[in-house]
C-alpha cells in the first residue's frame, strides 16, 4: 500500500462523517487527481505546489500523480481518509492534525469609487496579460457589435443583468460552451457571478440553473459553479477578492496568479469579473425575487 500524507484539507470535506462512500477516479493529471463519489462530493487531490480548491486535499508528494493513479479505478471515502485501488492501493489519511482551509468567498463593501479604480486595474492588466478570445472582446470594439453567437450571448446576458433582470435564459445557453475541463463561457460565468456574490451577496441566475449544471457542462465545471452558488471558490480566486480592497502589488500578484490558471481559464474568469464590475458601477442590481 502507498500512503500519501495530506498537508491541507478543505474544512467542509474534513467535516464529512458517516459510513464509507464508494466512488471512482474521474480524471488524472500530473498535479491533480479528481475523484467523484456516489454522494455527489467531488474531491480533488493536489500536489503541494497547487492552490487549494473546494473539497480539495493538498498532499505531500513531489512525483506526478500519473505515476500511481489510473482513471476509472475504484475509490472509497470514509471518516478516516480516502482509499484508491489503482494498481497498488493508495491511502490518503485525513487525520485531525492536518491544516484546514476554508473555501469561503470573501465579501466586500459596495463602494463605487473603489470598484471603478479596480476595474481600471483589471482592464489594464488584461490588456497586457490576458489570454484567449473572451478577454480580447473587451478591447477590440466587438463586444456590442460582433454578430457571432458567443458575443451575442454575452451581450444579451449582460444587457439583461444591466436592466436588473436575472438573465438565466442566456446562462443556460452559455453553459458548456468552449473546450477543456472548464469551458471558456463557464469560467466567464464564474468570474461574473463571483463579483455579484462578493458585492451583493448573490448571483441569482446560479440558483436558477444549479440543478441543470451536471448535464449541461463538464463535471469539473459543474462543481466549480455549484460550489460558487454555495459561496465556495478556489484559493486563487479567493486571494484575488481578498486583495481587491487594498490593491497595489499584492492585487497585481493575485491577478497574475489568476491568469496562470489553465490555458485561458483564468483570463476568461477575470474577463467575467471586469464585465460585472462595469455593470455594478452602472447600477445593475438584480432582483432576487
C-alpha atoms as a PDB file:
ATOM      1  CA  UNK A   1       0.000   0.000   0.000  1.00  0.00           C
ATOM      2  CA  UNK A   2       1.164   3.527  -0.805  1.00  0.00           C
ATOM      3  CA  UNK A   3       0.450   6.099   1.903  1.00  0.00           C
ATOM      4  CA  UNK A   4       0.283   9.751   0.828  1.00  0.00           C
ATOM      5  CA  UNK A   5       0.110  12.284   3.645  1.00  0.00           C
ATOM      6  CA  UNK A   6      -2.253  15.238   3.410  1.00  0.00           C
ATOM      7  CA  UNK A   7      -0.914  18.679   4.386  1.00  0.00           C
ATOM      8  CA  UNK A   8      -4.087  20.756   3.911  1.00  0.00           C
ATOM      9  CA  UNK A   9      -7.782  19.824   3.575  1.00  0.00           C
ATOM     10  CA  UNK A  10     -10.944  21.787   2.832  1.00  0.00           C
ATOM     11  CA  UNK A  11     -12.670  22.073   6.202  1.00  0.00           C
ATOM     12  CA  UNK A  12     -16.022  21.021   4.704  1.00  0.00           C
ATOM     13  CA  UNK A  13     -14.512  17.779   3.391  1.00  0.00           C
ATOM     14  CA  UNK A  14     -12.817  17.110   6.707  1.00  0.00           C
ATOM     15  CA  UNK A  15     -16.158  17.592   8.453  1.00  0.00           C
ATOM     16  CA  UNK A  16     -17.950  14.887   6.455  1.00  0.00           C
ATOM     17  CA  UNK A  17     -18.740  11.904   8.644  1.00  0.00           C
ATOM     18  CA  UNK A  18     -20.709   8.709   8.331  1.00  0.00           C
ATOM     19  CA  UNK A  19     -20.392   5.427   6.507  1.00  0.00           C
ATOM     20  CA  UNK A  20     -17.945   4.665   3.723  1.00  0.00           C
ATOM     21  CA  UNK A  21     -18.921   6.106   0.321  1.00  0.00           C
ATOM     22  CA  UNK A  22     -17.892   4.496  -2.954  1.00  0.00           C
ATOM     23  CA  UNK A  23     -16.562   6.486  -5.895  1.00  0.00           C
ATOM     24  CA  UNK A  24     -14.084   6.404  -8.744  1.00  0.00           C
ATOM     25  CA  UNK A  25     -11.129   8.235 -10.239  1.00  0.00           C
ATOM     26  CA  UNK A  26     -12.673  10.785 -12.600  1.00  0.00           C
ATOM     27  CA  UNK A  27      -9.546  12.308 -14.183  1.00  0.00           C
ATOM     28  CA  UNK A  28      -5.764  12.181 -13.718  1.00  0.00           C
ATOM     29  CA  UNK A  29      -3.179  14.861 -14.447  1.00  0.00           C
ATOM     30  CA  UNK A  30       0.405  15.453 -13.359  1.00  0.00           C
ATOM     31  CA  UNK A  31      -0.555  17.668 -10.422  1.00  0.00           C
ATOM     32  CA  UNK A  32      -4.278  16.963  -9.902  1.00  0.00           C
ATOM     33  CA  UNK A  33      -6.446  13.856  -9.486  1.00  0.00           C
ATOM     34  CA  UNK A  34     -10.224  14.262  -9.363  1.00  0.00           C
ATOM     35  CA  UNK A  35     -12.404  11.712  -7.556  1.00  0.00           C
ATOM     36  CA  UNK A  36     -16.199  11.635  -7.803  1.00  0.00           C
ATOM     37  CA  UNK A  37     -18.256   9.870  -5.119  1.00  0.00           C
ATOM     38  CA  UNK A  38     -21.781   8.480  -5.129  1.00  0.00           C
ATOM     39  CA  UNK A  39     -22.998  11.118  -2.647  1.00  0.00           C
ATOM     40  CA  UNK A  40     -22.096  13.841  -5.168  1.00  0.00           C
ATOM     41  CA  UNK A  41     -18.904  15.001  -3.467  1.00  0.00           C
ATOM     42  CA  UNK A  42     -16.159  15.832  -5.987  1.00  0.00           C
ATOM     43  CA  UNK A  43     -12.721  15.609  -4.338  1.00  0.00           C
ATOM     44  CA  UNK A  44      -9.518  16.965  -5.877  1.00  0.00           C
ATOM     45  CA  UNK A  45      -6.126  15.650  -4.775  1.00  0.00           C
ATOM     46  CA  UNK A  46      -3.485  18.327  -5.328  1.00  0.00           C
ATOM     47  CA  UNK A  47       0.296  18.353  -5.272  1.00  0.00           C
ATOM     48  CA  UNK A  48       1.817  20.700  -2.693  1.00  0.00           C
ATOM     49  CA  UNK A  49       2.596  23.319  -5.370  1.00  0.00           C
ATOM     50  CA  UNK A  50      -1.106  23.775  -6.232  1.00  0.00           C
ATOM     51  CA  UNK A  51      -3.667  26.228  -4.894  1.00  0.00           C
ATOM     52  CA  UNK A  52      -6.484  24.705  -2.864  1.00  0.00           C
ATOM     53  CA  UNK A  53      -9.944  24.146  -4.329  1.00  0.00           C
ATOM     54  CA  UNK A  54     -13.318  23.402  -2.694  1.00  0.00           C
ATOM     55  CA  UNK A  55     -13.337  19.826  -1.340  1.00  0.00           C
ATOM     56  CA  UNK A  56      -9.624  19.662  -2.074  1.00  0.00           C
ATOM     57  CA  UNK A  57      -6.823  17.701  -0.385  1.00  0.00           C
ATOM     58  CA  UNK A  58      -3.295  19.019  -0.860  1.00  0.00           C
ATOM     59  CA  UNK A  59      -0.741  16.272  -0.309  1.00  0.00           C
ATOM     60  CA  UNK A  60       2.951  15.978   0.470  1.00  0.00           C
ATOM     61  CA  UNK A  61       4.083  14.499  -2.791  1.00  0.00           C
ATOM     62  CA  UNK A  62       6.567  15.582  -5.457  1.00  0.00           C
ATOM     63  CA  UNK A  63       6.244  12.888  -8.140  1.00  0.00           C
ATOM     64  CA  UNK A  64       3.463  13.259 -10.754  1.00  0.00           C
ATOM     65  CA  UNK A  65       0.109  11.675  -9.926  1.00  0.00           C
ATOM     66  CA  UNK A  66       0.118   9.997 -13.331  1.00  0.00           C
ATOM     67  CA  UNK A  67       2.709   7.579 -11.939  1.00  0.00           C
ATOM     68  CA  UNK A  68       0.262   5.959  -9.498  1.00  0.00           C
ATOM     69  CA  UNK A  69      -3.362   6.806 -10.394  1.00  0.00           C
ATOM     70  CA  UNK A  70      -5.481   5.364 -13.213  1.00  0.00           C
ATOM     71  CA  UNK A  71      -8.751   6.833 -14.478  1.00  0.00           C
ATOM     72  CA  UNK A  72     -11.882   4.827 -13.675  1.00  0.00           C
ATOM     73  CA  UNK A  73     -10.448   2.920 -10.708  1.00  0.00           C
ATOM     74  CA  UNK A  74     -12.498   2.459  -7.543  1.00  0.00           C
ATOM     75  CA  UNK A  75     -12.173   4.895  -4.632  1.00  0.00           C
ATOM     76  CA  UNK A  76     -13.609   4.737  -1.119  1.00  0.00           C
ATOM     77  CA  UNK A  77     -14.028   7.739   1.216  1.00  0.00           C
ATOM     78  CA  UNK A  78     -14.704   7.366   4.929  1.00  0.00           C
ATOM     79  CA  UNK A  79     -14.167   9.405   8.091  1.00  0.00           C
ATOM     80  CA  UNK A  80     -10.526   8.335   8.286  1.00  0.00           C
ATOM     81  CA  UNK A  81      -9.417   9.034   4.737  1.00  0.00           C
ATOM     82  CA  UNK A  82      -9.529   8.049   1.082  1.00  0.00           C
ATOM     83  CA  UNK A  83      -8.515   4.697  -0.376  1.00  0.00           C
ATOM     84  CA  UNK A  84      -7.988   4.208  -4.117  1.00  0.00           C
ATOM     85  CA  UNK A  85      -7.457   0.876  -5.881  1.00  0.00           C
ATOM     86  CA  UNK A  86      -5.149   1.937  -8.716  1.00  0.00           C
ATOM     87  CA  UNK A  87      -2.630  -0.809  -9.410  1.00  0.00           C
ATOM     88  CA  UNK A  88      -1.287  -0.598  -5.876  1.00  0.00           C
ATOM     89  CA  UNK A  89      -3.672   0.551  -3.167  1.00  0.00           C
ATOM     90  CA  UNK A  90      -3.227   4.240  -2.364  1.00  0.00           C
ATOM     91  CA  UNK A  91      -4.291   5.574   1.031  1.00  0.00           C
ATOM     92  CA  UNK A  92      -4.640   9.282   1.919  1.00  0.00           C
ATOM     93  CA  UNK A  93      -5.336   9.562   5.678  1.00  0.00           C
ATOM     94  CA  UNK A  94      -7.408  12.615   6.696  1.00  0.00           C
ATOM     95  CA  UNK A  95      -6.145  12.958  10.250  1.00  0.00           C
ATOM     96  CA  UNK A  96      -7.341  15.561  12.716  1.00  0.00           C
ATOM     97  CA  UNK A  97      -3.993  17.388  12.887  1.00  0.00           C
ATOM     98  CA  UNK A  98      -3.922  18.344   9.193  1.00  0.00           C
ATOM     99  CA  UNK A  99      -4.241  22.070   8.406  1.00  0.00           C
ATOM    100  CA  UNK A 100      -7.798  23.011   7.473  1.00  0.00           C
ATOM    101  CA  UNK A 101      -8.710  25.567   4.790  1.00  0.00           C
ATOM    102  CA  UNK A 102     -11.959  27.485   4.374  1.00  0.00           C
ATOM    103  CA  UNK A 103     -13.063  27.943   0.736  1.00  0.00           C
ATOM    104  CA  UNK A 104     -15.480  30.744   1.645  1.00  0.00           C
ATOM    105  CA  UNK A 105     -15.763  33.586  -0.861  1.00  0.00           C
ATOM    106  CA  UNK A 106     -14.853  36.953   0.722  1.00  0.00           C
ATOM    107  CA  UNK A 107     -17.429  39.741   0.982  1.00  0.00           C
ATOM    108  CA  UNK A 108     -16.623  43.368   0.125  1.00  0.00           C
ATOM    109  CA  UNK A 109     -18.489  46.587   0.886  1.00  0.00           C
ATOM    110  CA  UNK A 110     -20.137  48.093  -2.190  1.00  0.00           C
ATOM    111  CA  UNK A 111     -18.088  51.213  -2.996  1.00  0.00           C
ATOM    112  CA  UNK A 112     -18.494  52.662  -6.490  1.00  0.00           C
ATOM    113  CA  UNK A 113     -15.218  54.579  -6.390  1.00  0.00           C
ATOM    114  CA  UNK A 114     -13.246  51.536  -5.234  1.00  0.00           C
ATOM    115  CA  UNK A 115     -14.887  49.294  -7.843  1.00  0.00           C
ATOM    116  CA  UNK A 116     -14.150  51.877 -10.552  1.00  0.00           C
ATOM    117  CA  UNK A 117     -10.486  52.042  -9.562  1.00  0.00           C
ATOM    118  CA  UNK A 118     -10.084  48.265  -9.502  1.00  0.00           C
ATOM    119  CA  UNK A 119     -11.911  47.917 -12.810  1.00  0.00           C
ATOM    120  CA  UNK A 120      -9.261  50.140 -14.375  1.00  0.00           C
ATOM    121  CA  UNK A 121      -6.570  47.945 -12.789  1.00  0.00           C
ATOM    122  CA  UNK A 122      -8.189  44.771 -14.132  1.00  0.00           C
ATOM    123  CA  UNK A 123      -8.670  46.175 -17.635  1.00  0.00           C
ATOM    124  CA  UNK A 124      -5.086  47.415 -17.748  1.00  0.00           C
ATOM    125  CA  UNK A 125      -3.849  44.013 -16.639  1.00  0.00           C
ATOM    126  CA  UNK A 126      -5.994  42.085 -19.128  1.00  0.00           C
ATOM    127  CA  UNK A 127      -4.922  44.392 -21.951  1.00  0.00           C
ATOM    128  CA  UNK A 128      -1.307  43.411 -21.295  1.00  0.00           C
ATOM    129  CA  UNK A 129      -1.584  39.872 -19.950  1.00  0.00           C
ATOM    130  CA  UNK A 130      -4.977  38.492 -20.986  1.00  0.00           C
ATOM    131  CA  UNK A 131      -5.166  35.231 -22.918  1.00  0.00           C
ATOM    132  CA  UNK A 132      -7.914  33.805 -25.102  1.00  0.00           C
ATOM    133  CA  UNK A 133     -10.658  35.271 -27.247  1.00  0.00           C
ATOM    134  CA  UNK A 134     -13.009  36.408 -24.467  1.00  0.00           C
ATOM    135  CA  UNK A 135     -10.543  38.911 -22.996  1.00  0.00           C
ATOM    136  CA  UNK A 136      -9.994  40.368 -26.474  1.00  0.00           C
ATOM    137  CA  UNK A 137     -13.698  41.214 -26.710  1.00  0.00           C
ATOM    138  CA  UNK A 138     -13.094  43.892 -24.091  1.00  0.00           C
ATOM    139  CA  UNK A 139     -10.675  45.840 -26.247  1.00  0.00           C
ATOM    140  CA  UNK A 140     -11.275  45.270 -29.963  1.00  0.00           C
ATOM    141  CA  UNK A 141     -14.649  47.012 -30.137  1.00  0.00           C
ATOM    142  CA  UNK A 142     -16.575  43.832 -30.915  1.00  0.00           C
ATOM    143  CA  UNK A 143     -18.395  43.244 -27.646  1.00  0.00           C
ATOM    144  CA  UNK A 144     -21.566  45.084 -28.613  1.00  0.00           C
ATOM    145  CA  UNK A 145     -21.151  44.778 -32.406  1.00  0.00           C
ATOM    146  CA  UNK A 146     -19.941  41.297 -33.270  1.00  0.00           C
ATOM    147  CA  UNK A 147     -22.693  39.073 -34.672  1.00  0.00           C
ATOM    148  CA  UNK A 148     -21.010  35.801 -33.730  1.00  0.00           C
ATOM    149  CA  UNK A 149     -23.015  33.557 -31.428  1.00  0.00           C
ATOM    150  CA  UNK A 150     -20.758  33.805 -28.363  1.00  0.00           C
ATOM    151  CA  UNK A 151     -20.584  37.588 -28.451  1.00  0.00           C
ATOM    152  CA  UNK A 152     -24.371  37.758 -28.883  1.00  0.00           C
ATOM    153  CA  UNK A 153     -24.922  35.542 -25.846  1.00  0.00           C
ATOM    154  CA  UNK A 154     -22.629  37.663 -23.705  1.00  0.00           C
ATOM    155  CA  UNK A 155     -24.232  40.868 -24.954  1.00  0.00           C
ATOM    156  CA  UNK A 156     -27.742  39.607 -24.245  1.00  0.00           C
ATOM    157  CA  UNK A 157     -26.911  38.308 -20.776  1.00  0.00           C
ATOM    158  CA  UNK A 158     -25.061  41.485 -19.764  1.00  0.00           C
ATOM    159  CA  UNK A 159     -27.902  43.632 -21.116  1.00  0.00           C
ATOM    160  CA  UNK A 160     -30.424  41.638 -19.068  1.00  0.00           C
ATOM    161  CA  UNK A 161     -28.410  41.998 -15.880  1.00  0.00           C
ATOM    162  CA  UNK A 162     -27.772  45.694 -16.535  1.00  0.00           C
ATOM    163  CA  UNK A 163     -31.549  46.125 -16.754  1.00  0.00           C
ATOM    164  CA  UNK A 164     -31.997  44.444 -13.357  1.00  0.00           C
ATOM    165  CA  UNK A 165     -33.133  41.070 -14.698  1.00  0.00           C
ATOM    166  CA  UNK A 166     -31.656  37.645 -13.964  1.00  0.00           C
ATOM    167  CA  UNK A 167     -30.649  36.588 -17.478  1.00  0.00           C
ATOM    168  CA  UNK A 168     -30.938  32.880 -16.657  1.00  0.00           C
ATOM    169  CA  UNK A 169     -32.160  32.035 -20.170  1.00  0.00           C
ATOM    170  CA  UNK A 170     -28.811  33.146 -21.585  1.00  0.00           C
ATOM    171  CA  UNK A 171     -26.800  31.468 -18.825  1.00  0.00           C
ATOM    172  CA  UNK A 172     -28.373  28.161 -19.842  1.00  0.00           C
ATOM    173  CA  UNK A 173     -27.272  28.749 -23.417  1.00  0.00           C
ATOM    174  CA  UNK A 174     -23.712  29.601 -22.320  1.00  0.00           C
ATOM    175  CA  UNK A 175     -23.138  26.571 -20.100  1.00  0.00           C
ATOM    176  CA  UNK A 176     -20.632  24.117 -21.548  1.00  0.00           C
ATOM    177  CA  UNK A 177     -19.589  26.396 -24.418  1.00  0.00           C
ATOM    178  CA  UNK A 178     -15.866  26.033 -25.095  1.00  0.00           C
ATOM    179  CA  UNK A 179     -13.240  23.356 -24.651  1.00  0.00           C
ATOM    180  CA  UNK A 180     -11.410  21.800 -21.717  1.00  0.00           C
ATOM    181  CA  UNK A 181     -12.392  20.718 -18.211  1.00  0.00           C
ATOM    182  CA  UNK A 182     -13.842  24.177 -17.567  1.00  0.00           C
ATOM    183  CA  UNK A 183     -15.200  25.572 -20.871  1.00  0.00           C
ATOM    184  CA  UNK A 184     -14.491  29.256 -21.533  1.00  0.00           C
ATOM    185  CA  UNK A 185     -18.011  30.561 -21.025  1.00  0.00           C
ATOM    186  CA  UNK A 186     -18.349  28.634 -17.753  1.00  0.00           C
ATOM    187  CA  UNK A 187     -15.200  30.365 -16.492  1.00  0.00           C
ATOM    188  CA  UNK A 188     -16.637  33.704 -17.639  1.00  0.00           C
ATOM    189  CA  UNK A 189     -19.891  32.976 -15.787  1.00  0.00           C
ATOM    190  CA  UNK A 190     -17.855  32.073 -12.706  1.00  0.00           C
ATOM    191  CA  UNK A 191     -15.966  35.378 -12.724  1.00  0.00           C
ATOM    192  CA  UNK A 192     -19.057  37.485 -13.448  1.00  0.00           C
ATOM    193  CA  UNK A 193     -21.089  35.678 -10.792  1.00  0.00           C
ATOM    194  CA  UNK A 194     -18.374  35.879  -8.148  1.00  0.00           C
ATOM    195  CA  UNK A 195     -18.373  39.688  -8.388  1.00  0.00           C
ATOM    196  CA  UNK A 196     -22.119  39.783  -7.717  1.00  0.00           C
ATOM    197  CA  UNK A 197     -21.702  37.379  -4.802  1.00  0.00           C
ATOM    198  CA  UNK A 198     -18.865  39.454  -3.331  1.00  0.00           C
ATOM    199  CA  UNK A 199     -20.653  42.811  -3.505  1.00  0.00           C
ATOM    200  CA  UNK A 200     -24.352  41.912  -3.395  1.00  0.00           C
ATOM    201  CA  UNK A 201     -24.291  38.531  -1.680  1.00  0.00           C
ATOM    202  CA  UNK A 202     -25.934  36.619  -4.524  1.00  0.00           C
ATOM    203  CA  UNK A 203     -25.855  35.815  -8.231  1.00  0.00           C
ATOM    204  CA  UNK A 204     -29.500  34.712  -8.627  1.00  0.00           C
ATOM    205  CA  UNK A 205     -29.019  33.120 -12.056  1.00  0.00           C
ATOM    206  CA  UNK A 206     -26.790  30.477 -10.420  1.00  0.00           C
ATOM    207  CA  UNK A 207     -29.702  29.399  -8.259  1.00  0.00           C
ATOM    208  CA  UNK A 208     -31.898  29.166 -11.347  1.00  0.00           C
ATOM    209  CA  UNK A 209     -29.525  26.763 -13.145  1.00  0.00           C
ATOM    210  CA  UNK A 210     -27.879  24.861 -10.276  1.00  0.00           C
ATOM    211  CA  UNK A 211     -29.930  21.705 -10.822  1.00  0.00           C
ATOM    212  CA  UNK A 212     -29.090  21.687 -14.543  1.00  0.00           C
ATOM    213  CA  UNK A 213     -25.319  22.101 -14.243  1.00  0.00           C
ATOM    214  CA  UNK A 214     -24.435  18.421 -14.096  1.00  0.00           C
ATOM    215  CA  UNK A 215     -25.831  17.574 -17.508  1.00  0.00           C
ATOM    216  CA  UNK A 216     -25.182  20.957 -19.152  1.00  0.00           C
ATOM    217  CA  UNK A 217     -21.397  21.044 -18.832  1.00  0.00           C
ATOM    218  CA  UNK A 218     -18.358  19.066 -17.667  1.00  0.00           C
ATOM    219  CA  UNK A 219     -18.217  17.564 -14.184  1.00  0.00           C
ATOM    220  CA  UNK A 220     -15.300  19.787 -13.126  1.00  0.00           C
ATOM    221  CA  UNK A 221     -17.033  22.916 -14.375  1.00  0.00           C
ATOM    222  CA  UNK A 222     -20.392  21.942 -12.901  1.00  0.00           C
ATOM    223  CA  UNK A 223     -18.850  21.511  -9.471  1.00  0.00           C
ATOM    224  CA  UNK A 224     -16.968  24.815  -9.811  1.00  0.00           C
ATOM    225  CA  UNK A 225     -20.229  26.707 -10.435  1.00  0.00           C
ATOM    226  CA  UNK A 226     -22.212  24.651  -7.912  1.00  0.00           C
ATOM    227  CA  UNK A 227     -19.608  25.415  -5.244  1.00  0.00           C
ATOM    228  CA  UNK A 228     -19.752  29.105  -6.165  1.00  0.00           C
ATOM    229  CA  UNK A 229     -23.523  29.025  -5.681  1.00  0.00           C
ATOM    230  CA  UNK A 230     -22.769  27.794  -2.152  1.00  0.00           C
ATOM    231  CA  UNK A 231     -20.163  30.532  -1.605  1.00  0.00           C
ATOM    232  CA  UNK A 232     -17.050  28.395  -2.126  1.00  0.00           C
ATOM    233  CA  UNK A 233     -14.240  29.239  -4.568  1.00  0.00           C
ATOM    234  CA  UNK A 234     -10.723  28.022  -5.418  1.00  0.00           C
ATOM    235  CA  UNK A 235      -7.958  29.616  -3.359  1.00  0.00           C
ATOM    236  CA  UNK A 236      -6.508  31.521  -6.335  1.00  0.00           C
ATOM    237  CA  UNK A 237      -9.836  33.344  -6.854  1.00  0.00           C
ATOM    238  CA  UNK A 238     -10.303  33.747  -3.115  1.00  0.00           C
ATOM    239  CA  UNK A 239      -6.961  35.603  -2.952  1.00  0.00           C
ATOM    240  CA  UNK A 240      -7.994  37.879  -5.816  1.00  0.00           C
ATOM    241  CA  UNK A 241     -11.008  39.065  -3.867  1.00  0.00           C
ATOM    242  CA  UNK A 242      -9.090  39.172  -0.575  1.00  0.00           C
ATOM    243  CA  UNK A 243      -6.638  41.673  -2.094  1.00  0.00           C
ATOM    244  CA  UNK A 244      -9.276  43.633  -4.041  1.00  0.00           C
ATOM    245  CA  UNK A 245      -9.809  46.377  -1.448  1.00  0.00           C
ATOM    246  CA  UNK A 246      -6.148  47.148  -0.733  1.00  0.00           C
ATOM    247  CA  UNK A 247      -4.991  46.877  -4.350  1.00  0.00           C
ATOM    248  CA  UNK A 248      -1.328  47.591  -5.063  1.00  0.00           C
ATOM    249  CA  UNK A 249       1.336  44.996  -5.783  1.00  0.00           C
ATOM    250  CA  UNK A 250      -0.447  42.178  -3.916  1.00  0.00           C
ATOM    251  CA  UNK A 251      -3.522  42.710  -6.092  1.00  0.00           C
ATOM    252  CA  UNK A 252      -1.432  42.602  -9.286  1.00  0.00           C
ATOM    253  CA  UNK A 253       0.246  39.420  -7.998  1.00  0.00           C
ATOM    254  CA  UNK A 254      -3.202  37.933  -7.393  1.00  0.00           C
ATOM    255  CA  UNK A 255      -4.280  38.830 -10.952  1.00  0.00           C
ATOM    256  CA  UNK A 256      -1.093  37.272 -12.309  1.00  0.00           C
ATOM    257  CA  UNK A 257      -1.870  34.069 -10.430  1.00  0.00           C
ATOM    258  CA  UNK A 258      -5.431  34.104 -11.791  1.00  0.00           C
ATOM    259  CA  UNK A 259      -4.387  34.336 -15.464  1.00  0.00           C
ATOM    260  CA  UNK A 260      -1.987  31.455 -14.818  1.00  0.00           C
ATOM    261  CA  UNK A 261      -4.941  29.115 -14.263  1.00  0.00           C
ATOM    262  CA  UNK A 262      -5.286  26.745 -17.218  1.00  0.00           C
ATOM    263  CA  UNK A 263      -4.688  27.753 -20.817  1.00  0.00           C
ATOM    264  CA  UNK A 264      -7.276  30.568 -20.758  1.00  0.00           C
ATOM    265  CA  UNK A 265      -9.494  29.739 -17.754  1.00  0.00           C
ATOM    266  CA  UNK A 266      -8.066  32.450 -15.512  1.00  0.00           C
ATOM    267  CA  UNK A 267      -8.277  35.122 -18.204  1.00  0.00           C
ATOM    268  CA  UNK A 268     -11.852  34.091 -19.023  1.00  0.00           C
ATOM    269  CA  UNK A 269     -12.761  34.306 -15.317  1.00  0.00           C
ATOM    270  CA  UNK A 270     -11.120  37.716 -14.952  1.00  0.00           C
ATOM    271  CA  UNK A 271     -12.889  38.959 -18.084  1.00  0.00           C
ATOM    272  CA  UNK A 272     -16.186  37.990 -16.476  1.00  0.00           C
ATOM    273  CA  UNK A 273     -15.182  39.909 -13.342  1.00  0.00           C
ATOM    274  CA  UNK A 274     -14.387  43.012 -15.419  1.00  0.00           C
ATOM    275  CA  UNK A 275     -17.770  42.965 -17.148  1.00  0.00           C
ATOM    276  CA  UNK A 276     -19.575  42.522 -13.831  1.00  0.00           C
ATOM    277  CA  UNK A 277     -17.697  45.417 -12.236  1.00  0.00           C
ATOM    278  CA  UNK A 278     -18.688  47.684 -15.117  1.00  0.00           C
ATOM    279  CA  UNK A 279     -22.353  46.722 -14.795  1.00  0.00           C
ATOM    280  CA  UNK A 280     -22.273  47.131 -10.996  1.00  0.00           C
ATOM    281  CA  UNK A 281     -20.856  50.640 -11.369  1.00  0.00           C
ATOM    282  CA  UNK A 282     -23.730  51.478 -13.707  1.00  0.00           C
ATOM    283  CA  UNK A 283     -26.293  50.226 -11.201  1.00  0.00           C
ATOM    284  CA  UNK A 284     -27.017  46.723 -12.445  1.00  0.00           C
ATOM    285  CA  UNK A 285     -28.693  45.459  -9.269  1.00  0.00           C
ATOM    286  CA  UNK A 286     -30.567  42.223  -9.992  1.00  0.00           C
ATOM    287  CA  UNK A 287     -33.736  41.408  -8.111  1.00  0.00           C
ATOM    288  CA  UNK A 288     -33.693  38.051  -6.274  1.00  0.00           C
ATOM    289  CA  UNK A 289     -37.477  37.830  -6.279  1.00  0.00           C
END
